[in-house]
Amino acid sequence: MRCGLESITAFHQSPVKQSFEAHRYAHLYTARRLVIACATVVEEMSPFLPEDVPSETLDFGLHLRPDELKKSLQEKIDRASRYADVLLLGYGLCSMAVVGLRATTAHIVLPRVDDCIAIFLGSCGAYKEQARKEPGTYYLTKGWIEAGDSPFSEYQRLVEKFGEAKAGRMIQLMLKNYRRLGFINTGQYEIERYREYAIKAAETFHLRFEEINGSPALVRKMVFGPWDEEFLVLEPGKTIQYTDFVQYHTS
């Protein structure tokens, strides 16, 4: 899976460019800000949010229904724009759900990532390194375990419907391209029971278990800046475009 945005021009990733972008948005780092994110990302952001930065939470299950997620996000943006100058979206492309979103009177800021895995790992670079190390990785976090959004949770539902043998074959087919179960530990919560769940899932479906240290680096930057090339910053009235996420490949 692609995680972003390698520049093919030196200027895009140069210290001069990054310094310029950081200075350009400096006045927004302390503006009236509001976070809009799914429950799993809000949980990671909460320890870093100043008291004057509220958050709006969307149901994690909307990830499975991108059209509904887009509609819910736009509704949140429309309401929040009335009393916030900057809307921090804790989403990546998320199956194109953010494409087409716009705020009439507020800035929109979101990380240039495909999904929240890079957010939990701390950067696109960390995500790319994991993909290089083992491209066939199925990732789990506390939030995904609690939401029941994984083949391992689906297995229990399939067992009730089809029995263990058929359910097992169906899940193995779903996981045929995976070799590793990567459990991301962000250090923001009590981890033991979620680790045990991930280990058991890996054993059950013959995947190599590996615990991967997450990082709050991208979350910190989203809240406090600097908003460099890792972030998309839209002026009021501008619409999120797919090309905003790939422009560094084509510029």
Protein backbone atom coordinates (compact mmCIF):
# COMPACT_ATOMS: atom_id res chain seq x y z
CA MET A 1 0.00 0.00 0.00
CA ARG A 2 1.28 3.43 -0.88
CA CYS A 3 1.92 5.82 2.00
CA GLY A 4 2.25 9.01 0.43
CA LEU A 5 4.24 11.35 -1.02
CA GLU A 6 7.74 11.06 -2.18
CA SER A 7 8.85 14.23 -3.84
CA ILE A 8 10.67 13.94 -7.13
CA THR A 9 11.91 17.50 -6.80
CA ALA A 10 14.52 18.42 -4.22
CA PHE A 11 12.73 21.59 -3.19
CA HIS A 12 9.63 19.80 -1.96
CA GLN A 13 11.55 18.07 0.84
CA SER A 14 14.29 20.60 1.41
CA PRO A 15 14.76 22.26 4.84
CA VAL A 16 14.05 25.60 3.16
CA LYS A 17 10.67 24.38 1.90
CA GLN A 18 9.73 22.84 5.26
CA SER A 19 10.76 25.97 7.16
CA PHE A 20 8.67 28.11 4.81
CA GLU A 21 5.59 25.94 5.30
CA ALA A 22 6.00 25.90 9.10
CA HIS A 23 6.26 29.69 9.21
CA ARG A 24 3.36 30.13 6.80
CA TYR A 25 0.94 28.34 9.13
CA ALA A 26 2.38 29.48 12.47
CA HIS A 27 -0.57 31.76 13.22
CA LEU A 28 -2.94 28.78 12.92
CA TYR A 29 -1.18 26.61 15.52
CA THR A 30 -2.90 28.54 18.30
CA ALA A 31 -6.12 29.44 16.48
CA ARG A 32 -9.51 28.03 17.45
CA ARG A 33 -8.97 24.37 16.61
CA LEU A 34 -11.24 21.35 16.67
CA VAL A 35 -10.43 17.68 16.06
CA ILE A 36 -12.70 15.43 13.99
CA ALA A 37 -11.61 11.79 13.97
CA CYS A 38 -12.71 8.22 14.50
CA ALA A 39 -12.66 6.89 18.04
CA THR A 40 -9.33 5.06 17.63
CA VAL A 41 -7.46 8.16 16.45
CA VAL A 42 -9.12 10.45 19.01
CA GLU A 43 -7.88 8.08 21.69
CA GLU A 44 -4.31 8.55 20.48
CA MET A 45 -4.70 12.32 20.21
CA SER A 46 -6.45 12.94 23.54
CA PRO A 47 -3.30 12.91 25.75
CA PHE A 48 -1.86 15.75 23.63
CA LEU A 49 -4.92 17.94 23.19
CA PRO A 50 -4.87 21.26 25.06
CA GLU A 51 -7.96 21.98 27.14
CA ASP A 52 -9.18 24.52 24.61
CA VAL A 53 -9.08 22.04 21.70
CA PRO A 54 -12.28 19.94 21.71
CA SER A 55 -12.84 16.81 19.65
CA GLU A 56 -15.72 15.29 17.69
CA THR A 57 -15.76 11.51 17.37
CA LEU A 58 -17.17 9.43 14.53
CA ASP A 59 -18.01 5.76 14.73
CA PHE A 60 -15.10 3.53 13.74
CA GLY A 61 -17.41 1.29 11.75
CA LEU A 62 -17.93 4.03 9.17
CA HIS A 63 -14.58 3.01 7.67
CA LEU A 64 -16.41 0.04 6.21
CA ARG A 65 -18.89 2.38 4.50
CA PRO A 66 -16.83 5.14 2.81
CA ASP A 67 -19.83 6.95 1.34
CA GLU A 68 -21.47 7.21 4.76
CA LEU A 69 -18.15 8.28 6.27
CA LYS A 70 -17.83 11.06 3.69
CA LYS A 71 -21.37 12.28 4.42
CA SER A 72 -20.83 12.20 8.19
CA LEU A 73 -17.51 14.03 7.89
CA GLN A 74 -19.02 16.78 5.76
CA GLU A 75 -21.86 17.23 8.24
CA LYS A 76 -19.37 17.51 11.10
CA ILE A 77 -17.26 19.97 9.12
CA ASP A 78 -20.28 22.15 8.30
CA ARG A 79 -21.30 22.40 11.95
CA ALA A 80 -17.79 22.81 13.34
CA SER A 81 -16.88 25.56 10.88
CA ARG A 82 -19.24 27.89 12.72
CA TYR A 83 -17.03 28.03 15.81
CA ALA A 84 -13.56 26.81 14.79
CA ASP A 85 -10.90 28.36 12.55
CA VAL A 86 -8.96 25.11 12.01
CA LEU A 87 -10.42 21.62 11.66
CA LEU A 88 -7.91 18.85 12.34
CA LEU A 89 -9.08 15.68 10.60
CA GLY A 90 -7.70 12.46 12.05
CA TYR A 91 -8.10 10.64 8.75
CA GLY A 92 -6.07 9.78 5.69
CA LEU A 93 -7.58 9.02 2.28
CA CYS A 94 -9.57 6.23 3.95
CA SER A 95 -10.94 4.63 0.77
CA MET A 96 -11.36 8.10 -0.79
CA ALA A 97 -13.81 9.15 1.94
CA VAL A 98 -12.12 12.55 2.43
CA VAL A 99 -12.02 13.43 -1.28
CA GLY A 100 -14.56 16.17 -1.99
CA LEU A 101 -14.74 17.50 1.56
CA ARG A 102 -14.58 21.26 2.05
CA ALA A 103 -15.03 23.86 4.78
CA THR A 104 -16.45 27.23 3.78
CA THR A 105 -14.96 29.35 6.57
CA ALA A 106 -12.31 27.19 8.26
CA HIS A 107 -8.95 25.69 7.34
CA ILE A 108 -8.80 21.89 7.06
CA VAL A 109 -5.64 20.08 8.13
CA LEU A 110 -5.07 16.33 7.71
CA PRO A 111 -2.07 14.02 7.30
CA ARG A 112 -1.12 12.94 3.77
CA VAL A 113 -1.53 9.22 4.44
CA ASP A 114 -3.64 6.43 3.01
CA ASP A 115 -5.06 5.33 6.35
CA CYS A 116 -4.52 5.49 10.08
CA ILE A 117 -1.73 2.88 10.17
CA ALA A 118 0.80 5.60 9.34
CA ILE A 119 -0.76 7.81 12.03
CA PHE A 120 -0.24 5.09 14.64
CA LEU A 121 3.30 4.35 13.44
CA GLY A 122 4.22 8.04 13.53
CA SER A 123 5.06 8.78 9.90
CA CYS A 124 4.82 7.62 6.32
CA GLY A 125 8.49 6.72 6.57
CA ALA A 126 7.82 4.28 9.39
CA TYR A 127 4.95 2.76 7.43
CA LYS A 128 7.11 2.33 4.34
CA GLU A 129 9.82 0.69 6.41
CA GLN A 130 7.35 -1.86 7.77
CA ALA A 131 6.03 -2.50 4.25
CA ARG A 132 9.59 -3.06 3.03
CA LYS A 133 10.33 -5.37 5.93
CA GLU A 134 7.20 -7.48 5.45
CA PRO A 135 4.65 -6.39 2.83
CA GLY A 136 2.27 -9.19 3.79
CA THR A 137 1.32 -7.71 7.16
CA TYR A 138 -2.12 -7.53 8.73
CA TYR A 139 -2.14 -4.75 11.34
CA LEU A 140 -4.09 -4.71 14.58
CA THR A 141 -4.50 -2.01 17.21
CA LYS A 142 -6.59 -1.73 20.33
CA GLY A 143 -9.24 0.20 18.44
CA TRP A 144 -9.58 -2.33 15.64
CA ILE A 145 -9.80 -5.17 18.16
CA GLU A 146 -12.53 -3.41 20.14
CA ALA A 147 -14.46 -2.49 16.99
CA GLY A 148 -14.37 -6.10 15.79
CA ASP A 149 -13.07 -4.98 12.41
CA SER A 150 -10.79 -7.85 11.45
CA PRO A 151 -10.95 -11.34 9.92
CA PHE A 152 -10.25 -12.70 13.39
CA SER A 153 -13.46 -11.22 14.76
CA GLU A 154 -15.31 -12.23 11.62
CA TYR A 155 -14.18 -15.81 12.20
CA GLN A 156 -16.39 -16.11 15.29
CA ARG A 157 -19.42 -14.91 13.36
CA LEU A 158 -18.67 -17.33 10.53
CA VAL A 159 -18.29 -20.25 12.95
CA GLU A 160 -21.82 -19.62 14.25
CA LYS A 161 -23.16 -19.59 10.69
CA PHE A 162 -21.11 -22.24 8.90
CA GLY A 163 -19.24 -24.25 11.54
CA GLU A 164 -15.53 -24.28 12.41
CA ALA A 165 -14.18 -26.15 9.38
CA LYS A 166 -15.81 -23.99 6.71
CA ALA A 167 -15.22 -20.78 8.70
CA GLY A 168 -11.55 -21.66 9.00
CA ARG A 169 -11.22 -22.19 5.24
CA MET A 170 -12.96 -18.90 4.51
CA ILE A 171 -10.68 -16.92 6.83
CA GLN A 172 -7.57 -18.63 5.49
CA LEU A 173 -8.64 -17.54 2.01
CA MET A 174 -9.08 -13.97 3.23
CA LEU A 175 -5.59 -14.05 4.76
CA LYS A 176 -3.79 -15.91 1.99
CA ASN A 177 -1.53 -12.95 1.15
CA TYR A 178 -0.52 -12.24 4.74
CA ARG A 179 2.46 -13.69 6.58
CA ARG A 180 2.72 -11.45 9.63
CA LEU A 181 0.30 -10.05 12.19
CA GLY A 182 1.66 -6.68 13.27
CA PHE A 183 0.28 -5.51 16.61
CA ILE A 184 0.91 -1.76 16.96
CA ASN A 185 1.63 -0.70 20.52
CA THR A 186 1.28 3.07 20.81
CA GLY A 187 1.80 3.05 24.57
CA GLN A 188 -1.34 5.07 25.25
CA TYR A 189 -3.31 2.43 27.17
CA GLU A 190 -3.11 -0.81 29.13
CA ILE A 191 -1.91 -3.20 26.47
CA GLU A 192 -1.78 -6.72 27.90
CA ARG A 193 -5.24 -8.07 27.02
CA TYR A 194 -5.04 -6.65 23.50
CA ARG A 195 -1.59 -8.18 23.05
CA GLU A 196 -2.93 -11.55 24.19
CA TYR A 197 -5.79 -11.30 21.68
CA ALA A 198 -3.36 -10.53 18.86
CA ILE A 199 -1.02 -13.38 19.82
CA LYS A 200 -3.91 -15.86 19.93
CA ALA A 201 -5.19 -14.64 16.55
CA ALA A 202 -1.75 -15.06 15.00
CA GLU A 203 -1.43 -18.59 16.38
CA THR A 204 -4.91 -19.57 15.25
CA PHE A 205 -4.38 -18.45 11.67
CA HIS A 206 -0.70 -19.40 11.34
CA LEU A 207 0.70 -15.89 11.11
CA ARG A 208 3.98 -14.70 12.58
CA PHE A 209 3.24 -12.36 15.48
CA GLU A 210 5.27 -9.20 15.87
CA GLU A 211 4.68 -6.30 18.21
CA ILE A 212 5.54 -2.99 16.55
CA ASN A 213 6.24 0.14 18.52
CA GLY A 214 4.01 3.01 17.48
CA SER A 215 4.84 6.68 17.79
CA PRO A 216 2.85 9.83 18.61
CA ALA A 217 5.07 11.95 16.34
CA LEU A 218 2.48 12.54 13.61
CA VAL A 219 -0.27 13.16 16.16
CA ARG A 220 1.88 15.74 17.96
CA LYS A 221 2.58 17.55 14.69
CA MET A 222 -1.10 17.54 13.80
CA VAL A 223 -1.96 19.23 17.08
CA PHE A 224 0.97 21.62 17.50
CA GLY A 225 2.66 21.84 14.09
CA PRO A 226 4.74 22.22 12.10
CA TRP A 227 2.46 21.30 9.20
CA ASP A 228 5.13 20.41 6.71
CA GLU A 229 4.94 18.18 3.62
CA GLU A 230 3.40 15.40 5.72
CA PHE A 231 0.19 17.42 5.96
CA LEU A 232 -2.43 18.79 3.62
CA VAL A 233 -3.57 22.27 4.65
CA LEU A 234 -6.60 23.66 2.82
CA GLU A 235 -7.63 27.29 2.84
CA PRO A 236 -11.32 28.03 3.54
CA GLY A 237 -13.48 27.21 0.55
CA LYS A 238 -11.00 24.75 -0.97
CA THR A 239 -11.98 21.14 -1.66
CA ILE A 240 -9.86 18.08 -0.88
CA GLN A 241 -8.71 16.46 -4.11
CA TYR A 242 -7.15 13.06 -4.70
CA THR A 243 -4.27 14.83 -6.43
CA ASP A 244 -3.48 16.58 -3.14
CA PHE A 245 -2.23 13.21 -1.90
CA VAL A 246 -0.23 12.27 -4.99
CA GLN A 247 1.04 15.61 -6.26
CA TYR A 248 4.56 14.91 -5.02
CA HIS A 249 4.69 11.92 -7.38
CA THR A 250 3.72 13.98 -10.39
CA SER A 251 5.07 17.49 -9.80
